[in-house]
Amino acid sequence: MIRGYEPYDNEWFGERHGPVIVDLLQKMMFPKTDDNQVDNIIRSCWHGEYDSIQRLSATVKLLDGVDSGRSMVMKEEDYKSRQGECKQLLANRLLDIVKTNEG
């Protein structure tokens, strides 16, 4: 949300890009983050360190003057591009791969 893209969306892992990302996230292998208040919160979320949205919200409210900017609406062309990527992942049976790995 802060950078405008999902984890690993700024990298390319070749033809198996989607499955590689799923594998990394399932292994809880996350991209590098910076050492600042916002990224500390992101890492804590990734590692399940908040037991509720209320605790996360309370932590965010305590940020020391950090300007996270305003939420931005996704441009239509970006939305359509993401939608196309999702359809392609589904067509490539990503969901079947994920289900197989879970079982």
N, C-alpha and C. Protein backbone atom coordinates (compact mmCIF):
# COMPACT_ATOMS: atom_id res chain seq x y z
N MET A 1 0.82 -1.19 0.00
CA MET A 1 0.00 0.00 0.00
C MET A 1 0.87 1.26 0.00
N ILE A 2 1.97 1.19 0.68
CA ILE A 2 2.83 2.37 0.77
C ILE A 2 3.58 2.59 -0.54
N ARG A 3 4.05 1.53 -1.16
CA ARG A 3 4.85 1.66 -2.36
C ARG A 3 4.04 1.63 -3.65
N GLY A 4 2.81 1.21 -3.56
CA GLY A 4 1.96 1.18 -4.75
C GLY A 4 1.99 -0.13 -5.51
N TYR A 5 2.61 -1.15 -4.93
CA TYR A 5 2.62 -2.46 -5.57
C TYR A 5 2.69 -3.55 -4.50
N GLU A 6 2.31 -4.74 -4.88
CA GLU A 6 2.31 -5.89 -3.98
C GLU A 6 3.74 -6.39 -3.78
N PRO A 7 3.98 -7.16 -2.71
CA PRO A 7 5.32 -7.72 -2.53
C PRO A 7 5.79 -8.48 -3.77
N TYR A 8 6.98 -8.20 -4.19
CA TYR A 8 7.66 -8.82 -5.33
C TYR A 8 7.12 -8.37 -6.70
N ASP A 9 6.13 -7.49 -6.75
CA ASP A 9 5.63 -7.04 -8.05
C ASP A 9 6.64 -6.17 -8.79
N ASN A 10 7.66 -5.71 -8.10
CA ASN A 10 8.68 -4.90 -8.77
C ASN A 10 9.86 -5.76 -9.24
N GLU A 11 9.71 -7.07 -9.14
CA GLU A 11 10.73 -8.01 -9.60
C GLU A 11 10.11 -8.96 -10.62
N TRP A 12 10.95 -9.64 -11.39
CA TRP A 12 10.43 -10.58 -12.38
C TRP A 12 11.14 -11.91 -12.22
N PHE A 13 10.37 -12.97 -12.10
CA PHE A 13 10.93 -14.30 -11.88
C PHE A 13 10.72 -15.22 -13.08
N GLY A 14 10.51 -14.64 -14.25
CA GLY A 14 10.37 -15.44 -15.45
C GLY A 14 8.97 -15.99 -15.66
N GLU A 15 8.88 -17.02 -16.48
CA GLU A 15 7.58 -17.59 -16.85
C GLU A 15 6.79 -18.07 -15.65
N ARG A 16 7.47 -18.51 -14.62
CA ARG A 16 6.79 -19.02 -13.42
C ARG A 16 6.67 -17.95 -12.34
N HIS A 17 6.60 -16.70 -12.77
CA HIS A 17 6.57 -15.55 -11.85
C HIS A 17 5.53 -15.73 -10.75
N GLY A 18 4.29 -16.00 -11.12
CA GLY A 18 3.21 -16.14 -10.13
C GLY A 18 3.47 -17.25 -9.13
N PRO A 19 3.74 -18.47 -9.60
CA PRO A 19 4.01 -19.56 -8.66
C PRO A 19 5.24 -19.31 -7.78
N VAL A 20 6.26 -18.65 -8.32
CA VAL A 20 7.45 -18.34 -7.52
C VAL A 20 7.07 -17.41 -6.37
N ILE A 21 6.27 -16.39 -6.67
CA ILE A 21 5.85 -15.45 -5.63
C ILE A 21 5.00 -16.17 -4.58
N VAL A 22 4.08 -17.00 -5.01
CA VAL A 22 3.25 -17.76 -4.07
C VAL A 22 4.15 -18.61 -3.16
N ASP A 23 5.14 -19.26 -3.74
CA ASP A 23 6.05 -20.10 -2.96
C ASP A 23 6.82 -19.26 -1.93
N LEU A 24 7.34 -18.12 -2.36
CA LEU A 24 8.08 -17.25 -1.43
C LEU A 24 7.20 -16.81 -0.27
N LEU A 25 5.98 -16.38 -0.59
CA LEU A 25 5.09 -15.89 0.46
C LEU A 25 4.65 -17.02 1.39
N GLN A 26 4.41 -18.21 0.85
CA GLN A 26 4.04 -19.34 1.70
C GLN A 26 5.18 -19.72 2.65
N LYS A 27 6.40 -19.52 2.21
CA LYS A 27 7.56 -19.80 3.06
C LYS A 27 7.88 -18.61 3.98
N MET A 28 7.02 -17.59 3.93
CA MET A 28 7.19 -16.36 4.70
C MET A 28 8.53 -15.69 4.41
N MET A 29 8.91 -15.72 3.14
CA MET A 29 10.11 -15.05 2.67
C MET A 29 9.65 -13.76 2.00
N PHE A 30 9.84 -12.65 2.70
CA PHE A 30 9.31 -11.38 2.24
C PHE A 30 10.43 -10.50 1.68
N PRO A 31 10.05 -9.53 0.83
CA PRO A 31 11.06 -8.61 0.29
C PRO A 31 11.71 -7.80 1.41
N LYS A 32 12.89 -7.30 1.11
CA LYS A 32 13.60 -6.43 2.04
C LYS A 32 12.80 -5.16 2.26
N THR A 33 12.83 -4.65 3.46
CA THR A 33 12.18 -3.38 3.76
C THR A 33 13.21 -2.45 4.39
N ASP A 34 12.84 -1.19 4.48
CA ASP A 34 13.73 -0.21 5.10
C ASP A 34 13.58 -0.25 6.61
N ASP A 35 14.45 0.45 7.29
CA ASP A 35 14.40 0.51 8.75
C ASP A 35 13.74 1.82 9.17
N ASN A 36 12.41 1.85 9.04
CA ASN A 36 11.66 3.03 9.47
C ASN A 36 10.34 2.56 10.09
N GLN A 37 9.60 3.49 10.66
CA GLN A 37 8.39 3.13 11.39
C GLN A 37 7.36 2.42 10.52
N VAL A 38 7.16 2.92 9.33
CA VAL A 38 6.15 2.34 8.44
C VAL A 38 6.54 0.92 8.04
N ASP A 39 7.79 0.73 7.64
CA ASP A 39 8.24 -0.61 7.24
C ASP A 39 8.26 -1.58 8.42
N ASN A 40 8.51 -1.07 9.62
CA ASN A 40 8.43 -1.93 10.81
C ASN A 40 7.01 -2.47 10.97
N ILE A 41 6.02 -1.64 10.72
CA ILE A 41 4.62 -2.07 10.81
C ILE A 41 4.33 -3.10 9.72
N ILE A 42 4.83 -2.85 8.52
CA ILE A 42 4.62 -3.79 7.42
C ILE A 42 5.20 -5.16 7.78
N ARG A 43 6.43 -5.19 8.28
CA ARG A 43 7.05 -6.46 8.67
C ARG A 43 6.24 -7.15 9.77
N SER A 44 5.77 -6.37 10.73
CA SER A 44 4.96 -6.95 11.81
C SER A 44 3.68 -7.57 11.27
N CYS A 45 3.07 -6.93 10.29
CA CYS A 45 1.86 -7.49 9.67
C CYS A 45 2.19 -8.80 8.96
N TRP A 46 3.26 -8.78 8.18
CA TRP A 46 3.65 -9.98 7.43
C TRP A 46 3.89 -11.17 8.35
N HIS A 47 4.41 -10.89 9.53
CA HIS A 47 4.77 -11.98 10.46
C HIS A 47 3.70 -12.23 11.51
N GLY A 48 2.50 -11.66 11.30
CA GLY A 48 1.36 -11.95 12.17
C GLY A 48 1.53 -11.48 13.60
N GLU A 49 2.22 -10.37 13.79
CA GLU A 49 2.50 -9.90 15.14
C GLU A 49 1.36 -9.06 15.74
N TYR A 50 0.36 -8.75 14.96
CA TYR A 50 -0.81 -8.03 15.50
C TYR A 50 -1.93 -9.05 15.69
N ASP A 51 -2.49 -9.08 16.88
CA ASP A 51 -3.56 -10.04 17.14
C ASP A 51 -4.94 -9.50 16.78
N SER A 52 -4.98 -8.23 16.35
CA SER A 52 -6.26 -7.66 15.93
C SER A 52 -6.02 -6.41 15.09
N ILE A 53 -7.02 -6.06 14.32
CA ILE A 53 -6.97 -4.83 13.53
C ILE A 53 -6.92 -3.63 14.47
N GLN A 54 -7.56 -3.73 15.61
CA GLN A 54 -7.57 -2.63 16.58
C GLN A 54 -6.14 -2.32 17.05
N ARG A 55 -5.36 -3.37 17.31
CA ARG A 55 -3.97 -3.14 17.75
C ARG A 55 -3.13 -2.54 16.62
N LEU A 56 -3.35 -3.01 15.41
CA LEU A 56 -2.66 -2.42 14.27
C LEU A 56 -3.05 -0.96 14.13
N SER A 57 -4.32 -0.66 14.23
CA SER A 57 -4.80 0.72 14.12
C SER A 57 -4.19 1.60 15.20
N ALA A 58 -4.11 1.10 16.41
CA ALA A 58 -3.52 1.87 17.51
C ALA A 58 -2.05 2.16 17.24
N THR A 59 -1.33 1.20 16.68
CA THR A 59 0.09 1.39 16.35
C THR A 59 0.24 2.44 15.26
N VAL A 60 -0.60 2.37 14.25
CA VAL A 60 -0.53 3.33 13.15
C VAL A 60 -0.79 4.74 13.66
N LYS A 61 -1.73 4.88 14.58
CA LYS A 61 -2.05 6.21 15.13
C LYS A 61 -0.88 6.80 15.91
N LEU A 62 0.03 5.96 16.38
CA LEU A 62 1.18 6.43 17.16
C LEU A 62 2.37 6.84 16.30
N LEU A 63 2.26 6.68 14.99
CA LEU A 63 3.38 7.04 14.11
C LEU A 63 3.81 8.46 14.39
N ASP A 64 5.10 8.64 14.49
CA ASP A 64 5.68 9.93 14.87
C ASP A 64 5.79 10.87 13.68
N GLY A 65 4.69 11.47 13.29
CA GLY A 65 4.72 12.45 12.21
C GLY A 65 5.06 11.89 10.85
N VAL A 66 4.89 10.61 10.66
CA VAL A 66 5.18 9.99 9.37
C VAL A 66 4.08 10.35 8.40
N ASP A 67 4.46 10.86 7.25
CA ASP A 67 3.48 11.20 6.22
C ASP A 67 3.42 10.04 5.24
N SER A 68 2.38 9.25 5.37
CA SER A 68 2.25 8.11 4.46
C SER A 68 1.56 8.50 3.17
N GLY A 69 1.19 9.77 3.04
CA GLY A 69 0.52 10.22 1.83
C GLY A 69 -0.93 9.81 1.82
N ARG A 70 -1.62 10.27 0.82
CA ARG A 70 -3.03 9.93 0.68
C ARG A 70 -3.16 8.69 -0.16
N SER A 71 -4.21 7.96 0.10
CA SER A 71 -4.49 6.80 -0.73
C SER A 71 -4.71 7.25 -2.16
N MET A 72 -4.23 6.47 -3.08
CA MET A 72 -4.39 6.81 -4.48
C MET A 72 -5.29 5.77 -5.14
N VAL A 73 -6.18 6.27 -5.96
CA VAL A 73 -7.04 5.37 -6.73
C VAL A 73 -6.21 4.81 -7.88
N MET A 74 -6.34 3.53 -8.10
CA MET A 74 -5.60 2.90 -9.18
C MET A 74 -6.12 3.39 -10.52
N LYS A 75 -5.21 3.73 -11.40
CA LYS A 75 -5.60 4.16 -12.74
C LYS A 75 -6.28 3.00 -13.46
N GLU A 76 -7.22 3.34 -14.33
CA GLU A 76 -7.98 2.30 -15.03
C GLU A 76 -7.05 1.37 -15.82
N GLU A 77 -6.04 1.95 -16.47
CA GLU A 77 -5.12 1.11 -17.26
C GLU A 77 -4.35 0.14 -16.36
N ASP A 78 -3.96 0.60 -15.16
CA ASP A 78 -3.28 -0.29 -14.21
C ASP A 78 -4.22 -1.38 -13.72
N TYR A 79 -5.47 -0.99 -13.45
CA TYR A 79 -6.47 -1.96 -13.00
C TYR A 79 -6.66 -3.04 -14.05
N LYS A 80 -6.82 -2.62 -15.30
CA LYS A 80 -7.04 -3.58 -16.38
C LYS A 80 -5.82 -4.48 -16.56
N SER A 81 -4.63 -3.91 -16.39
CA SER A 81 -3.41 -4.71 -16.48
C SER A 81 -3.37 -5.76 -15.38
N ARG A 82 -3.68 -5.35 -14.15
CA ARG A 82 -3.71 -6.29 -13.02
C ARG A 82 -4.77 -7.36 -13.24
N GLN A 83 -5.92 -6.92 -13.75
CA GLN A 83 -7.01 -7.86 -14.01
C GLN A 83 -6.55 -8.91 -15.03
N GLY A 84 -5.84 -8.45 -16.06
CA GLY A 84 -5.31 -9.37 -17.06
C GLY A 84 -4.32 -10.35 -16.47
N GLU A 85 -3.45 -9.85 -15.57
CA GLU A 85 -2.49 -10.73 -14.91
C GLU A 85 -3.21 -11.80 -14.09
N CYS A 86 -4.25 -11.39 -13.38
CA CYS A 86 -5.01 -12.35 -12.56
C CYS A 86 -5.66 -13.41 -13.44
N LYS A 87 -6.24 -12.98 -14.55
CA LYS A 87 -6.87 -13.93 -15.46
C LYS A 87 -5.84 -14.90 -16.02
N GLN A 88 -4.65 -14.38 -16.32
CA GLN A 88 -3.59 -15.23 -16.85
C GLN A 88 -3.15 -16.25 -15.79
N LEU A 89 -3.01 -15.80 -14.55
CA LEU A 89 -2.64 -16.72 -13.48
C LEU A 89 -3.68 -17.81 -13.30
N LEU A 90 -4.95 -17.41 -13.37
CA LEU A 90 -6.01 -18.40 -13.26
C LEU A 90 -5.99 -19.37 -14.43
N ALA A 91 -5.75 -18.82 -15.61
CA ALA A 91 -5.69 -19.68 -16.80
C ALA A 91 -4.52 -20.66 -16.70
N ASN A 92 -3.46 -20.24 -16.05
CA ASN A 92 -2.29 -21.11 -15.88
C ASN A 92 -2.43 -22.01 -14.66
N ARG A 93 -3.62 -22.07 -14.13
CA ARG A 93 -3.97 -22.99 -13.06
C ARG A 93 -3.20 -22.74 -11.77
N LEU A 94 -2.94 -21.45 -11.48
CA LEU A 94 -2.24 -21.11 -10.25
C LEU A 94 -2.98 -21.62 -9.03
N LEU A 95 -4.30 -21.53 -9.05
CA LEU A 95 -5.07 -21.98 -7.90
C LEU A 95 -4.88 -23.47 -7.64
N ASP A 96 -4.79 -24.26 -8.71
CA ASP A 96 -4.55 -25.69 -8.54
C ASP A 96 -3.18 -25.95 -7.92
N ILE A 97 -2.20 -25.16 -8.32
CA ILE A 97 -0.85 -25.30 -7.77
C ILE A 97 -0.87 -24.99 -6.28
N VAL A 98 -1.53 -23.90 -5.92
CA VAL A 98 -1.60 -23.51 -4.51
C VAL A 98 -2.31 -24.58 -3.70
N LYS A 99 -3.43 -25.09 -4.20
CA LYS A 99 -4.18 -26.12 -3.49
C LYS A 99 -3.34 -27.38 -3.32
N THR A 100 -2.57 -27.73 -4.34
CA THR A 100 -1.71 -28.91 -4.27
C THR A 100 -0.66 -28.73 -3.18
N ASN A 101 -0.08 -27.52 -3.10
CA ASN A 101 0.94 -27.25 -2.09
C ASN A 101 0.37 -27.24 -0.69
N GLU A 102 -0.91 -26.89 -0.55
CA GLU A 102 -1.53 -26.84 0.77
C GLU A 102 -1.88 -28.23 1.27
N GLY A 103 -2.14 -29.16 0.35
CA GLY A 103 -2.61 -30.50 0.73
C GLY A 103 -1.52 -31.40 1.06
